[in-house]
Each structure stands twice: as C-alpha cells, then as structure tokens.
Amino acid sequence: MTRMIAMPVPELQEMAHIEQGVKRGRHTLNGLANRVTRNGTHRARSEKRTTHTKRPRKQRKTASSDESDSDQGSSRTAKEKGKKDTPVQIGVSNTRSTPVCLEPECPIPGCNSTGHLTGKYDKHYTISGCPLYHNAMAAECKARREEYFSEHRSRELTTTDSRIGLRKQSPTREQKVKRNEVLDARRKLGIPEAVKMEHSQHQQQYEKSREPLLKGLTSKYDLRLFQQAQMKACDELEYEITQHYQLSNKQEYRIKKIEIGRYELETWYSSPYPEEYARLPKLYLCEFCLKFMKSATILRRHSAKCVWRHPPGDEIYRKANISVFEVDGKKNKIYCQNLCLLAKLFLDHKTLYYDVEPFLFYVMTEADTQGCHVVGYFSKEKNSFLNYNVSCILTMPQCMRQGYGKMLIDFSYLLSKVEEKIGSPERPLSDLGLISYRSYWKDVLLNYLTTYNGNEISIKDLSQETAVNANDIVSTLQALGMLKYWKGKHLVLKRQDLLEEYLEKKARKFPEKDSRKLDPSCLKWTPIQNITTTS
C-alpha cells in the first residue's frame, strides 16, 4: 500500500541558505566594527579639547564594538577583556539533523518497484500491482494496456448507429467466425507433461512469492481476458486506495466499508478505532467475537482458530432460532468495546466507546448451523436514576426492515415489566431510533385501545399496563390526534377509523414479520437488583 513520505530536500536547501546568510552577516559586522572604531577614536579626541564636562554617551554593547576596541588597544577592565575572547555565535546552534525517510519498496523479494501491472504507473508498492509477482515485465504490462485500449476503440468504431435501436442484436459474420475459433481452441486444449513440470518447478522455486504460471492452462483468448480483468481490478484497487488517503485531512477520511460474516456493509459515520485501523478503507470483523482485522487473510486465519459461536454472557431468551444474550460490560469488556465501536459506524449521536463497565448489553442473534449471528443489540445502565431502559439501540443494516428493531424495543419494555418499572429510552434519539420508537408506541396504544371496553381511561393506568412512560404516551396521542382539551379536561378520543386501519394493517402483515413477536414465557431472567439483594 502507498504511504505518505516526508522528503528532506527543502530542509537541506533551507540550511544552505542559513549558512550563506551567516557568512554574509559576519562580513557585514566586520565592516561595521571598523566604522565604529574610527568614530570612537575621533570622539575621544574632541572631548579632551572641550573645557566643560560632558556626560559620556553610553555605547551600544555589540559584539562588533568589543572586537574593534580590542584592536585599537583602548583601556579595558579584566572583565571586559574576558568578554573579548569569547567567540561570537550567529544563527541557530545545535540544529537537529533532519531524518531521511526511505522510499517505500515492493515487498516481493528481487523487485525494484519499477512498473505497474496496469501499465499506467512507473512505480508500484503493493503486491497487487507488482509485475514480477504476476510473472510479467513492466514493458509487457504497458503493451497489454495499449492493446486493450486499441481493441476497445476499434470495437466502438465498428459499431454502427443502425444497430443501436435494435432490441436484440444478431451477431455479425466476424463475431461468428471469432466465436467458432475460440470454441475450437478450447476443445483442442491439452496440458502436456512439459508444461506440468514447468509449473511444478516454478511453484517449488518461488512458493507463494509469485503467482502460479497460467501458460498452457487455457486458451490464449481466455488467458488474455483474465489478464485484462486482472489489470482492471488492480486499477480500481489502486484508485480506491489513493482516493482514500487523499482525504487524510478531511472529515470524510474514515472507514468506508466493513466485512462481517457474509456481508459487506458501507459505513455511515466514523468510529474511533485505533489509528492503524482507522486509516484503512476497509475493515474485516469476526462475526462472533467482533475482533477487527486489517485484511481478509488475517480474518481467514482467525476464523480457523476462533472458538466463539455466540456472544459471551447468559442466554436469557430463546424462541425458535431467535436468542438474546445478556452481556455484562464489566465481565466481558473487550467484546462490549468492540460492539460499541461497530455501532458507532452506523450511529451519529453515540458517545460511549470504552467505558462499558456500568452497562449491560442485550445482544439479539439469529442461529443457524454455523452459529448465532448478531442482528442487533441494545444497552442499558445497571442503575439508572431516571429509569432509562435503553441507552443505545442498533439493528444491523443487513437486518433492517425485517421486524428486528421493534422486537428489540419490545424486549426492553418486557424487561421493564419484569422489574415492575416504567421505562423510557435515553435522549437524544437518532433519526432512525425516533421513527422506530414512535411506530412502536403507536402500535402499543392502538392495540391496547382495540381490546379496551371501558368508557373512561387514565394515562397513569395506561402507563402501568404497557410500561411506557406517560410523557411518551401523551406525545403519541397528540401526534395521532386522539388527545383533546375540552371544558378544562384532557380527553382521549377513541377514533374508530384509526383502530380499523390498524386492524387491517395487522391482518395484512407477512407471516415472517408476524412470527417475530416476543413470547414472555420464553424469558428466563432475574433483575440484577434482585440478585444483589438475595446474595
């Protein structure tokens, strides 16, 4: 990979200019010293001729005046004579030598970093752009690039305007002949023993420092197509790396993509990963332990040794293939920190990264034959003064719009009901979090009102039944237009049109989303406060 290099040439030029300036300054000071000496002698003679006493002027103490007085043999004290012998230093002393930064080199042994696989650059610093690794020369790579663009231009010129409007273009005579030639070359292909021996000797000699030989394995046409595709992929990779490092001093300089499991996700915001990882355009994460790595090779080696198949902590809920694990931030600090760093890539207002000890993390997973894959999580304080049941909540981007967000919110309120508390999320909420919570509060209130048969209802009773904060209930009813002020009282209007619309929407739900509902009987959990009191 390319990296920024500090060249020492401007500093050396600046030091040369300083030395020239010092020499010029010394000549100038010597000339000034001679002038001061002559003026001082003439002034002393004129003072002896005057009859009245005159206060002598104070001479400016300079290094040049001291040297001139010593040359003329004027009377000095021992202290002043001592000053005379001290050498004068002009300019900057004890300057530090500028460190010389070496130019980056290709990691392939025996390569001098000249040329590039794409034929576009004169230098390369990565294995993907090394011609020697791909068993080629720099001139050969340039010839391939010229050949590719010449074919591309000729193909554009042969395409006539009359054929553009056709829906299904039939092949031309030249294309049919070319197709038959390619098919014949593929049928006649055979790998002789000499080629096999050459390939085995090449592999034994270079091992993994060179690409395996491709000559003789396929037809010339297919080999040329592969080399052109390889050149294009290398060009795109080089462009991505250079564009990423050009944003080093801008706000957009952040991790662009992450690979976790079988998904490649584009990030939304920056996250305070360590500097050596934050400088990478793409980060690789283990989907079970959430450890972050620099390359796919390191991830593959880690996956072969990683024994984790689910989050650490206690499994407190399981229904079908959906499980929820309670992870203590004090007992599993590294995992919770990695989880927070991952969440910051998709949350703008998140500020908690490393201080995870006062929090509990509830990680929801979806299980298959390989293990339990994270679909989302929420965190809450162990002892919240304001009875917040959620501090941070996130649904992974690949699992959004599948019902997992509301399932996480519903699970947080289920824990509040077990604790016999009224909960509310911690503010401020993100944009997606506010939309999800408003949708959840609306569904909870409408579901409660469809089964309520009384004539009068109290906000306090409604809050006790649903474990939703009274302020959240009032704001939701106002947004629905179901709360009115009449004759000095607040009335809750039971709008039949909204209730019927809610029931129709509920009937039209897909069975997959409808099956993702919490079953309170599947929860096996004891509040942490009850554990501390009993122990």
Protein backbone atom coordinates (compact mmCIF):
# COMPACT_ATOMS: atom_id res chain seq x y z
CA MET A 1 0.00 0.00 0.00
CA THR A 2 1.16 3.53 -0.68
CA ARG A 3 2.01 5.83 2.17
CA MET A 4 2.96 9.48 2.60
CA ILE A 5 6.73 10.24 2.57
CA ALA A 6 8.46 13.31 4.00
CA MET A 7 11.26 14.34 1.59
CA PRO A 8 14.21 16.12 3.29
CA VAL A 9 15.29 18.20 0.24
CA PRO A 10 13.55 21.52 1.22
CA GLU A 11 15.08 21.38 4.72
CA LEU A 12 18.60 20.88 3.31
CA GLN A 13 18.13 23.83 0.98
CA GLU A 14 16.93 25.95 3.86
CA MET A 15 20.03 25.06 5.93
CA ALA A 16 22.28 26.03 2.98
CA HIS A 17 20.53 29.43 2.78
CA ILE A 18 21.07 29.92 6.53
CA GLU A 19 24.79 29.17 6.25
CA GLN A 20 25.17 31.66 3.39
CA GLY A 21 23.31 34.28 5.42
CA VAL A 22 25.63 33.70 8.40
CA LYS A 23 28.71 34.25 6.23
CA ARG A 24 27.25 37.47 4.79
CA GLY A 25 26.36 38.67 8.28
CA ARG A 26 29.92 38.17 9.53
CA HIS A 27 31.37 40.27 6.69
CA THR A 28 28.82 42.99 7.39
CA LEU A 29 29.62 43.03 11.12
CA ASN A 30 33.35 43.31 10.45
CA GLY A 31 32.78 46.37 8.25
CA LEU A 32 30.56 47.96 10.90
CA ALA A 33 33.21 47.28 13.55
CA ASN A 34 35.85 49.24 11.62
CA ARG A 35 33.48 52.20 11.25
CA VAL A 36 32.63 52.22 14.96
CA THR A 37 36.34 52.13 15.88
CA ARG A 38 37.18 55.17 13.76
CA ASN A 39 34.21 57.16 15.07
CA GLY A 40 35.01 56.26 18.69
CA THR A 41 38.66 57.45 18.45
CA HIS A 42 37.66 60.75 16.83
CA ARG A 43 35.01 61.37 19.51
CA ALA A 44 37.54 60.80 22.39
CA ARG A 45 39.98 63.34 20.95
CA SER A 46 37.28 66.02 20.59
CA GLU A 47 36.15 65.55 24.21
CA LYS A 48 39.69 66.29 25.53
CA ARG A 49 39.74 69.69 23.78
CA THR A 50 36.47 70.91 25.37
CA THR A 51 36.68 72.88 28.66
CA HIS A 52 33.31 71.94 30.10
CA THR A 53 32.49 68.42 31.37
CA LYS A 54 30.14 66.43 29.23
CA ARG A 55 28.33 63.28 30.22
CA PRO A 56 29.73 60.45 28.13
CA ARG A 57 27.31 58.62 25.91
CA LYS A 58 26.54 55.00 26.51
CA GLN A 59 27.82 52.88 23.71
CA ARG A 60 25.66 50.07 22.43
CA LYS A 61 27.14 46.79 23.56
CA THR A 62 27.61 44.72 20.47
CA ALA A 63 30.00 42.02 19.55
CA SER A 64 31.46 44.20 16.81
CA SER A 65 32.23 47.12 19.18
CA ASP A 66 34.06 44.81 21.59
CA GLU A 67 36.25 43.47 18.81
CA SER A 68 37.05 46.98 17.49
CA ASP A 69 38.05 48.31 20.93
CA SER A 70 40.43 45.41 21.47
CA ASP A 71 42.11 46.07 18.12
CA GLN A 72 42.74 49.78 18.94
CA GLY A 73 44.26 48.99 22.37
CA SER A 74 41.81 51.08 24.46
CA SER A 75 41.73 50.71 28.24
CA ARG A 76 39.59 47.83 29.43
CA THR A 77 38.89 46.13 32.68
CA ALA A 78 39.69 42.49 33.23
CA LYS A 79 36.05 41.62 32.96
CA GLU A 80 35.67 43.33 29.57
CA LYS A 81 38.87 41.66 28.34
CA GLY A 82 37.37 38.35 29.26
CA LYS A 83 34.35 39.12 27.11
CA LYS A 84 36.63 39.93 24.24
CA ASP A 85 37.97 36.39 23.97
CA THR A 86 34.57 34.70 23.82
CA PRO A 87 33.66 33.68 20.27
CA VAL A 88 30.53 35.18 18.73
CA GLN A 89 27.87 32.71 17.54
CA ILE A 90 25.42 33.91 14.97
CA GLY A 91 22.41 31.92 13.74
CA VAL A 92 20.87 28.74 15.09
CA SER A 93 23.12 26.48 17.12
CA ASN A 94 22.75 22.76 17.86
CA THR A 95 20.35 22.20 14.96
CA ARG A 96 18.88 18.72 14.74
CA SER A 97 19.65 16.66 11.72
CA THR A 98 16.65 16.02 9.50
CA PRO A 99 15.72 12.29 9.42
CA VAL A 100 15.91 10.81 5.97
CA CYS A 101 12.74 8.84 5.12
CA LEU A 102 13.34 5.95 2.76
CA GLU A 103 11.09 5.49 -0.24
CA PRO A 104 8.64 2.57 0.10
CA GLU A 105 9.54 -0.58 -1.77
CA CYS A 106 7.66 -3.56 -3.13
CA PRO A 107 7.55 -6.45 -0.60
CA ILE A 108 8.33 -9.04 -3.28
CA PRO A 109 12.00 -10.15 -3.00
CA GLY A 110 14.09 -9.19 -6.01
CA CYS A 111 11.69 -6.47 -7.22
CA ASN A 112 12.93 -2.89 -7.65
CA SER A 113 9.38 -1.40 -7.59
CA THR A 114 9.51 -0.32 -11.24
CA GLY A 115 6.49 -0.65 -13.49
CA HIS A 116 2.89 -1.49 -12.65
CA LEU A 117 0.55 -4.31 -13.60
CA THR A 118 -1.89 -1.85 -15.18
CA GLY A 119 0.86 -0.25 -17.30
CA LYS A 120 -0.39 3.13 -16.11
CA TYR A 121 2.21 3.96 -13.45
CA ASP A 122 6.01 3.88 -13.36
CA LYS A 123 6.21 2.69 -9.73
CA HIS A 124 4.35 0.24 -7.54
CA TYR A 125 4.44 -0.51 -3.81
CA THR A 126 1.88 -3.31 -3.41
CA ILE A 127 1.78 -6.98 -4.38
CA SER A 128 -1.39 -6.48 -6.44
CA GLY A 129 0.44 -4.03 -8.72
CA CYS A 130 3.76 -5.89 -8.96
CA PRO A 131 4.52 -7.18 -12.50
CA LEU A 132 7.19 -9.54 -11.16
CA TYR A 133 4.67 -11.26 -8.87
CA HIS A 134 2.41 -11.82 -11.89
CA ASN A 135 5.35 -13.27 -13.91
CA ALA A 136 5.49 -10.30 -16.28
CA MET A 137 7.73 -7.35 -17.15
CA ALA A 138 6.95 -3.63 -17.00
CA ALA A 139 7.18 -3.26 -20.79
CA GLU A 140 4.86 -6.24 -21.27
CA CYS A 141 2.25 -4.65 -18.96
CA LYS A 142 2.36 -1.40 -20.95
CA ALA A 143 1.93 -3.34 -24.19
CA ARG A 144 -1.13 -5.13 -22.77
CA ARG A 145 -2.69 -1.82 -21.79
CA GLU A 146 -2.14 -0.33 -25.25
CA GLU A 147 -3.54 -3.46 -26.87
CA TYR A 148 -6.62 -3.37 -24.64
CA PHE A 149 -7.44 0.26 -25.43
CA SER A 150 -6.78 -0.17 -29.14
CA GLU A 151 -9.25 -3.08 -29.25
CA HIS A 152 -11.76 -1.07 -27.25
CA ARG A 153 -11.52 1.88 -29.65
CA SER A 154 -11.79 -0.32 -32.73
CA ARG A 155 -14.85 -2.06 -31.27
CA GLU A 156 -16.52 1.32 -30.74
CA LEU A 157 -15.76 2.41 -34.31
CA THR A 158 -17.16 -0.79 -35.86
CA THR A 159 -20.48 -0.38 -34.02
CA THR A 160 -22.88 1.32 -36.46
CA ASP A 161 -25.68 3.63 -35.48
CA SER A 162 -28.24 1.48 -37.28
CA ARG A 163 -27.73 -1.35 -34.80
CA ILE A 164 -28.23 0.75 -31.66
CA GLY A 165 -32.01 0.83 -31.86
CA LEU A 166 -32.42 -2.93 -32.24
CA ARG A 167 -33.78 -4.75 -29.22
CA LYS A 168 -31.92 -7.98 -29.90
CA GLN A 169 -28.74 -7.63 -31.91
CA SER A 170 -27.78 -10.64 -34.01
CA PRO A 171 -24.04 -11.41 -34.20
CA THR A 172 -22.13 -10.27 -37.23
CA ARG A 173 -20.16 -12.54 -39.56
CA GLU A 174 -16.84 -11.61 -37.93
CA GLN A 175 -18.24 -12.33 -34.48
CA LYS A 176 -19.46 -15.75 -35.55
CA VAL A 177 -16.05 -16.63 -37.01
CA LYS A 178 -14.31 -15.44 -33.85
CA ARG A 179 -16.67 -17.46 -31.67
CA ASN A 180 -16.01 -20.64 -33.64
CA GLU A 181 -12.25 -20.11 -33.38
CA VAL A 182 -12.47 -19.71 -29.59
CA LEU A 183 -14.62 -22.84 -29.22
CA ASP A 184 -12.21 -24.87 -31.38
CA ALA A 185 -9.24 -23.69 -29.31
CA ARG A 186 -11.00 -24.73 -26.11
CA ARG A 187 -11.81 -28.20 -27.49
CA LYS A 188 -8.24 -28.85 -28.65
CA LEU A 189 -6.71 -27.70 -25.37
CA GLY A 190 -4.50 -30.19 -23.58
CA ILE A 191 -1.82 -29.76 -20.95
CA PRO A 192 1.42 -31.56 -21.94
CA GLU A 193 3.76 -33.08 -19.40
CA ALA A 194 6.47 -30.48 -20.07
CA VAL A 195 4.10 -27.69 -19.04
CA LYS A 196 3.16 -29.56 -15.87
CA MET A 197 6.82 -29.99 -14.97
CA GLU A 198 7.50 -26.31 -15.61
CA HIS A 199 4.60 -25.34 -13.35
CA SER A 200 5.73 -27.62 -10.52
CA GLN A 201 9.32 -26.35 -10.71
CA HIS A 202 8.08 -22.75 -10.66
CA GLN A 203 5.97 -23.45 -7.59
CA GLN A 204 8.83 -25.16 -5.74
CA GLN A 205 11.24 -22.34 -6.57
CA TYR A 206 9.10 -19.33 -5.68
CA GLU A 207 6.36 -20.87 -3.48
CA LYS A 208 3.98 -18.01 -2.54
CA SER A 209 6.20 -15.11 -3.64
CA ARG A 210 4.99 -15.47 -7.25
CA GLU A 211 1.68 -16.11 -8.92
CA PRO A 212 1.29 -19.64 -10.37
CA LEU A 213 2.08 -19.92 -14.06
CA LEU A 214 -1.01 -19.61 -16.29
CA LYS A 215 0.60 -20.50 -19.59
CA GLY A 216 -0.83 -23.67 -21.11
CA LEU A 217 -3.76 -23.97 -18.70
CA THR A 218 -6.29 -22.39 -21.03
CA SER A 219 -6.61 -20.91 -24.50
CA LYS A 220 -4.85 -17.69 -25.43
CA TYR A 221 -8.17 -15.87 -25.74
CA ASP A 222 -9.30 -16.84 -22.22
CA LEU A 223 -5.86 -16.03 -20.79
CA ARG A 224 -5.94 -12.59 -22.36
CA LEU A 225 -9.45 -11.98 -20.95
CA PHE A 226 -8.27 -13.00 -17.49
CA GLN A 227 -5.22 -10.71 -17.68
CA GLN A 228 -7.38 -7.78 -18.80
CA ALA A 229 -9.82 -8.38 -15.95
CA GLN A 230 -6.89 -8.63 -13.54
CA MET A 231 -5.50 -5.33 -14.84
CA LYS A 232 -8.85 -3.60 -14.47
CA ALA A 233 -9.35 -4.89 -10.92
CA CYS A 234 -5.86 -3.71 -9.96
CA ASP A 235 -6.57 -0.27 -11.44
CA GLU A 236 -9.78 0.06 -9.41
CA LEU A 237 -8.00 -1.04 -6.23
CA GLU A 238 -5.20 1.47 -6.79
CA TYR A 239 -7.73 4.25 -7.39
CA GLU A 240 -9.65 3.34 -4.23
CA ILE A 241 -6.50 3.38 -2.09
CA THR A 242 -5.18 6.69 -3.45
CA GLN A 243 -8.56 8.41 -3.16
CA HIS A 244 -8.91 7.21 0.42
CA TYR A 245 -5.50 8.51 1.53
CA GLN A 246 -6.05 11.87 -0.17
CA LEU A 247 -8.80 12.53 2.39
CA SER A 248 -6.38 12.29 5.34
CA ASN A 249 -7.03 15.87 6.47
CA LYS A 250 -10.76 15.96 5.76
CA GLN A 251 -13.84 14.89 7.67
CA GLU A 252 -14.67 12.24 5.06
CA TYR A 253 -11.49 10.35 5.95
CA ARG A 254 -12.92 7.27 7.65
CA ILE A 255 -13.50 3.55 7.22
CA LYS A 256 -15.66 3.19 4.12
CA LYS A 257 -16.61 -0.48 4.30
CA ILE A 258 -16.61 -3.39 6.70
CA GLU A 259 -16.84 -7.11 6.03
CA ILE A 260 -18.60 -9.12 8.71
CA GLY A 261 -19.67 -12.68 8.03
CA ARG A 262 -21.02 -12.98 4.50
CA TYR A 263 -21.96 -9.30 4.29
CA GLU A 264 -20.02 -6.27 3.07
CA LEU A 265 -21.52 -3.12 4.56
CA GLU A 266 -20.93 0.53 3.70
CA THR A 267 -20.46 2.62 6.84
CA TRP A 268 -22.42 5.80 7.59
CA TYR A 269 -20.25 7.58 10.16
CA SER A 270 -16.72 7.46 11.56
CA SER A 271 -15.72 5.38 14.57
CA PRO A 272 -12.73 5.87 16.92
CA TYR A 273 -10.90 2.68 16.06
CA PRO A 274 -7.13 2.67 16.74
CA GLU A 275 -5.23 4.85 14.26
CA GLU A 276 -3.60 1.98 12.40
CA TYR A 277 -7.07 0.55 11.66
CA ALA A 278 -8.91 3.86 11.15
CA ARG A 279 -6.58 4.66 8.22
CA LEU A 280 -7.78 1.63 6.25
CA PRO A 281 -10.51 1.95 3.62
CA LYS A 282 -11.97 -1.43 4.62
CA LEU A 283 -12.07 -3.30 7.92
CA TYR A 284 -12.66 -7.03 8.49
CA LEU A 285 -14.60 -8.21 11.56
CA CYS A 286 -15.21 -11.64 13.05
CA GLU A 287 -18.99 -12.04 13.27
CA PHE A 288 -18.82 -13.95 16.56
CA CYS A 289 -16.17 -12.24 18.73
CA LEU A 290 -16.27 -8.91 16.79
CA LYS A 291 -12.49 -8.66 16.66
CA PHE A 292 -11.37 -6.24 13.91
CA MET A 293 -8.57 -7.05 11.47
CA LYS A 294 -6.73 -5.43 8.57
CA SER A 295 -7.06 -7.96 5.76
CA ALA A 296 -9.10 -10.92 4.57
CA THR A 297 -6.11 -13.22 5.09
CA ILE A 298 -5.89 -12.36 8.77
CA LEU A 299 -9.66 -12.83 9.11
CA ARG A 300 -9.47 -16.26 7.46
CA ARG A 301 -6.70 -17.37 9.80
CA HIS A 302 -8.60 -16.01 12.80
CA SER A 303 -11.82 -17.77 11.76
CA ALA A 304 -9.97 -21.09 11.62
CA LYS A 305 -8.90 -20.66 15.27
CA CYS A 306 -11.86 -18.76 16.77
CA VAL A 307 -13.91 -20.99 19.06
CA TRP A 308 -16.73 -18.49 19.67
CA ARG A 309 -20.09 -19.30 18.11
CA HIS A 310 -22.30 -16.97 20.17
CA PRO A 311 -21.89 -13.80 22.27
CA PRO A 312 -20.48 -14.21 25.77
CA GLY A 313 -22.80 -13.99 28.77
CA ASP A 314 -26.08 -15.66 29.67
CA GLU A 315 -28.76 -16.66 27.19
CA ILE A 316 -31.93 -15.25 28.77
CA TYR A 317 -34.37 -15.71 25.87
CA ARG A 318 -34.84 -18.30 23.14
CA LYS A 319 -37.71 -18.91 20.77
CA ALA A 320 -37.13 -20.88 17.58
CA ASN A 321 -33.85 -19.54 16.14
CA ILE A 322 -34.00 -16.15 17.92
CA SER A 323 -31.93 -15.75 21.09
CA VAL A 324 -30.99 -12.85 23.38
CA PHE A 325 -27.79 -12.85 25.41
CA GLU A 326 -27.15 -10.63 28.44
CA VAL A 327 -23.52 -9.47 28.40
CA ASP A 328 -22.02 -7.66 31.39
CA GLY A 329 -19.71 -4.83 30.38
CA LYS A 330 -17.52 -5.45 33.42
CA LYS A 331 -17.02 -9.17 32.81
CA ASN A 332 -16.66 -9.02 29.01
CA LYS A 333 -15.07 -5.64 28.47
CA ILE A 334 -13.29 -6.29 25.17
CA TYR A 335 -16.38 -7.72 23.47
CA CYS A 336 -18.55 -4.81 24.60
CA GLN A 337 -15.97 -2.26 23.43
CA ASN A 338 -15.82 -3.90 20.00
CA LEU A 339 -19.61 -3.88 19.89
CA CYS A 340 -19.71 -0.14 20.67
CA LEU A 341 -17.07 0.63 18.02
CA LEU A 342 -19.11 -1.33 15.48
CA ALA A 343 -22.31 0.51 16.46
CA LYS A 344 -20.63 3.92 16.06
CA LEU A 345 -20.18 3.21 12.35
CA PHE A 346 -23.98 3.42 11.97
CA LEU A 347 -24.97 5.83 14.78
CA ASP A 348 -24.27 9.55 14.79
CA HIS A 349 -25.02 10.52 18.41
CA LYS A 350 -23.23 7.64 20.12
CA THR A 351 -20.52 8.80 22.57
CA LEU A 352 -19.84 5.65 24.66
CA TYR A 353 -16.96 3.55 23.34
CA TYR A 354 -14.59 2.29 26.04
CA ASP A 355 -16.29 2.95 29.41
CA VAL A 356 -18.61 -0.05 29.25
CA GLU A 357 -18.40 -1.34 32.80
CA PRO A 358 -21.59 0.38 34.15
CA PHE A 359 -23.74 -1.08 31.35
CA LEU A 360 -25.49 -4.30 30.41
CA PHE A 361 -25.68 -5.29 26.75
CA TYR A 362 -28.54 -7.36 25.37
CA VAL A 363 -27.46 -8.91 22.04
CA MET A 364 -30.11 -10.45 19.79
CA THR A 365 -28.92 -13.24 17.48
CA GLU A 366 -30.29 -15.47 14.75
CA ALA A 367 -28.99 -19.04 14.88
CA ASP A 368 -28.14 -21.43 12.06
CA THR A 369 -25.79 -24.39 11.61
CA GLN A 370 -22.69 -22.15 11.81
CA GLY A 371 -23.59 -20.27 15.00
CA CYS A 372 -25.51 -17.30 16.39
CA HIS A 373 -25.25 -14.25 14.13
CA VAL A 374 -25.76 -10.76 15.59
CA VAL A 375 -28.82 -8.94 14.24
CA GLY A 376 -28.92 -6.09 16.77
CA TYR A 377 -28.45 -5.07 20.38
CA PHE A 378 -29.38 -2.50 22.99
CA SER A 379 -27.60 -1.41 26.16
CA LYS A 380 -28.90 -0.08 29.47
CA GLU A 381 -27.38 1.19 32.68
CA LYS A 382 -27.22 -1.17 35.61
CA ASN A 383 -28.57 1.52 37.96
CA SER A 384 -30.37 4.27 36.07
CA PHE A 385 -31.55 7.22 38.16
CA LEU A 386 -34.19 8.24 35.56
CA ASN A 387 -35.35 4.66 34.86
CA TYR A 388 -33.99 4.58 31.33
CA ASN A 389 -34.47 1.09 29.89
CA VAL A 390 -32.35 1.76 26.78
CA SER A 391 -29.12 3.75 26.47
CA CYS A 392 -28.21 2.75 22.91
CA ILE A 393 -30.01 0.58 20.37
CA LEU A 394 -28.93 -0.64 16.95
CA THR A 395 -30.22 -3.01 14.29
CA MET A 396 -27.56 -4.17 11.84
CA PRO A 397 -28.10 -2.69 8.35
CA GLN A 398 -28.49 -6.11 6.70
CA CYS A 399 -31.31 -6.92 9.16
CA MET A 400 -33.29 -3.69 8.89
CA ARG A 401 -36.95 -3.59 7.79
CA GLN A 402 -37.46 -7.18 8.97
CA GLY A 403 -39.10 -6.54 12.35
CA TYR A 404 -35.97 -6.86 14.49
CA GLY A 405 -35.98 -3.21 15.55
CA LYS A 406 -39.43 -3.37 17.13
CA MET A 407 -38.53 -6.72 18.61
CA LEU A 408 -35.57 -5.15 20.42
CA ILE A 409 -37.73 -2.26 21.68
CA ASP A 410 -40.43 -4.69 22.82
CA PHE A 411 -37.81 -6.75 24.65
CA SER A 412 -36.56 -3.67 26.55
CA TYR A 413 -40.12 -2.94 27.74
CA LEU A 414 -40.59 -6.62 28.64
CA LEU A 415 -37.60 -6.34 30.98
CA SER A 416 -39.13 -3.19 32.48
CA LYS A 417 -42.35 -5.07 33.18
CA VAL A 418 -40.42 -7.84 34.94
CA GLU A 419 -38.62 -5.19 37.00
CA GLU A 420 -42.04 -3.57 37.70
CA LYS A 421 -40.81 -0.24 36.41
CA ILE A 422 -41.90 2.25 33.78
CA GLY A 423 -39.18 2.68 31.20
CA SER A 424 -38.21 5.18 28.55
CA PRO A 425 -35.28 5.42 26.10
CA GLU A 426 -32.42 7.76 26.82
CA ARG A 427 -32.39 11.01 24.86
CA PRO A 428 -31.40 12.20 22.31
CA LEU A 429 -32.64 9.55 19.92
CA SER A 430 -31.17 9.10 16.46
CA ASP A 431 -33.34 9.71 13.40
CA LEU A 432 -34.00 6.02 12.77
CA GLY A 433 -34.43 5.38 16.51
CA LEU A 434 -37.08 8.09 16.83
CA ILE A 435 -39.02 6.69 13.88
CA SER A 436 -38.88 3.17 15.32
CA TYR A 437 -39.98 4.23 18.80
CA ARG A 438 -42.88 6.34 17.53
CA SER A 439 -44.07 3.43 15.40
CA TYR A 440 -43.78 1.07 18.39
CA TRP A 441 -45.66 3.42 20.77
CA LYS A 442 -48.41 3.85 18.16
CA ASP A 443 -48.85 0.08 17.75
CA VAL A 444 -48.88 -0.49 21.53
CA LEU A 445 -51.53 2.18 22.18
CA LEU A 446 -53.78 1.17 19.29
CA ASN A 447 -53.51 -2.50 20.23
CA TYR A 448 -54.46 -1.65 23.81
CA LEU A 449 -57.43 0.53 22.74
CA THR A 450 -58.83 -2.12 20.38
CA THR A 451 -59.27 -4.51 23.32
CA TYR A 452 -60.33 -1.87 25.89
CA ASN A 453 -64.07 -1.81 26.55
CA GLY A 454 -64.35 0.81 29.31
CA ASN A 455 -65.80 4.30 28.95
CA GLU A 456 -63.06 6.09 30.83
CA ILE A 457 -59.28 5.61 30.66
CA SER A 458 -56.43 7.05 32.68
CA ILE A 459 -52.97 7.88 31.32
CA LYS A 460 -51.48 6.54 34.53
CA ASP A 461 -53.28 3.19 34.19
CA LEU A 462 -52.26 3.01 30.54
CA SER A 463 -48.64 3.63 31.54
CA GLN A 464 -48.76 0.91 34.19
CA GLU A 465 -50.23 -1.63 31.77
CA THR A 466 -47.78 -1.01 28.90
CA ALA A 467 -44.68 0.08 30.94
CA VAL A 468 -44.43 3.11 28.62
CA ASN A 469 -43.66 6.49 30.16
CA ALA A 470 -46.64 8.87 30.49
CA ASN A 471 -44.85 11.62 28.55
CA ASP A 472 -44.29 9.23 25.64
CA ILE A 473 -47.95 8.23 25.71
CA VAL A 474 -49.14 11.85 25.67
CA SER A 475 -46.85 12.81 22.77
CA THR A 476 -48.01 9.77 20.75
CA LEU A 477 -51.70 10.51 21.37
CA GLN A 478 -51.18 14.13 20.33
CA ALA A 479 -49.45 13.01 17.12
CA LEU A 480 -52.42 10.71 16.38
CA GLY A 481 -54.94 13.46 17.10
CA MET A 482 -56.54 11.43 19.89
CA LEU A 483 -55.93 13.85 22.78
CA LYS A 484 -58.21 16.90 23.11
CA TYR A 485 -58.72 19.58 25.73
CA TRP A 486 -62.43 20.22 26.44
CA LYS A 487 -64.03 22.11 29.35
CA GLY A 488 -60.86 22.12 31.42
CA LYS A 489 -60.20 18.39 30.97
CA HIS A 490 -57.98 16.28 28.73
CA LEU A 491 -59.98 13.67 26.84
CA VAL A 492 -58.72 10.65 24.94
CA LEU A 493 -60.74 10.21 21.75
CA LYS A 494 -61.25 6.65 20.60
CA ARG A 495 -61.06 7.22 16.86
CA GLN A 496 -62.70 4.30 15.16
CA ASP A 497 -61.11 5.00 11.75
CA LEU A 498 -57.58 4.65 13.19
CA LEU A 499 -58.48 1.46 15.02
CA GLU A 500 -59.98 -0.12 11.89
CA GLU A 501 -56.95 0.90 9.82
CA TYR A 502 -54.66 -0.66 12.43
CA LEU A 503 -56.61 -3.94 12.39
CA GLU A 504 -56.49 -4.11 8.58
CA LYS A 505 -52.76 -3.47 8.58
CA LYS A 506 -52.30 -6.14 11.21
CA ALA A 507 -54.22 -8.66 9.10
CA ARG A 508 -52.12 -7.88 6.00
CA LYS A 509 -48.80 -8.50 7.76
CA PHE A 510 -46.48 -11.11 6.35
CA PRO A 511 -46.25 -14.31 8.38
CA GLU A 512 -42.47 -13.82 8.78
CA LYS A 513 -42.86 -10.45 10.50
CA ASP A 514 -45.86 -11.63 12.46
CA SER A 515 -43.89 -14.60 13.79
CA ARG A 516 -41.23 -12.26 15.17
CA LYS A 517 -43.15 -11.47 18.31
CA LEU A 518 -41.86 -11.92 21.80
CA ASP A 519 -43.17 -14.70 23.96
CA PRO A 520 -42.89 -13.68 27.65
CA SER A 521 -42.92 -17.33 28.69
CA CYS A 522 -39.58 -17.87 26.89
CA LEU A 523 -37.81 -15.27 29.06
CA LYS A 524 -35.65 -16.75 31.81
CA TRP A 525 -34.25 -13.70 33.59
CA THR A 526 -33.89 -12.24 37.07
CA PRO A 527 -33.24 -8.50 37.54
CA ILE A 528 -29.76 -7.65 38.71
CA GLN A 529 -31.05 -5.74 41.75
CA ASN A 530 -32.92 -8.81 42.98
CA ILE A 531 -29.74 -10.85 42.62
CA THR A 532 -27.74 -8.40 44.72
CA THR A 533 -30.37 -8.23 47.47
CA THR A 534 -30.72 -12.01 47.78
CA SER A 535 -26.97 -12.58 47.77
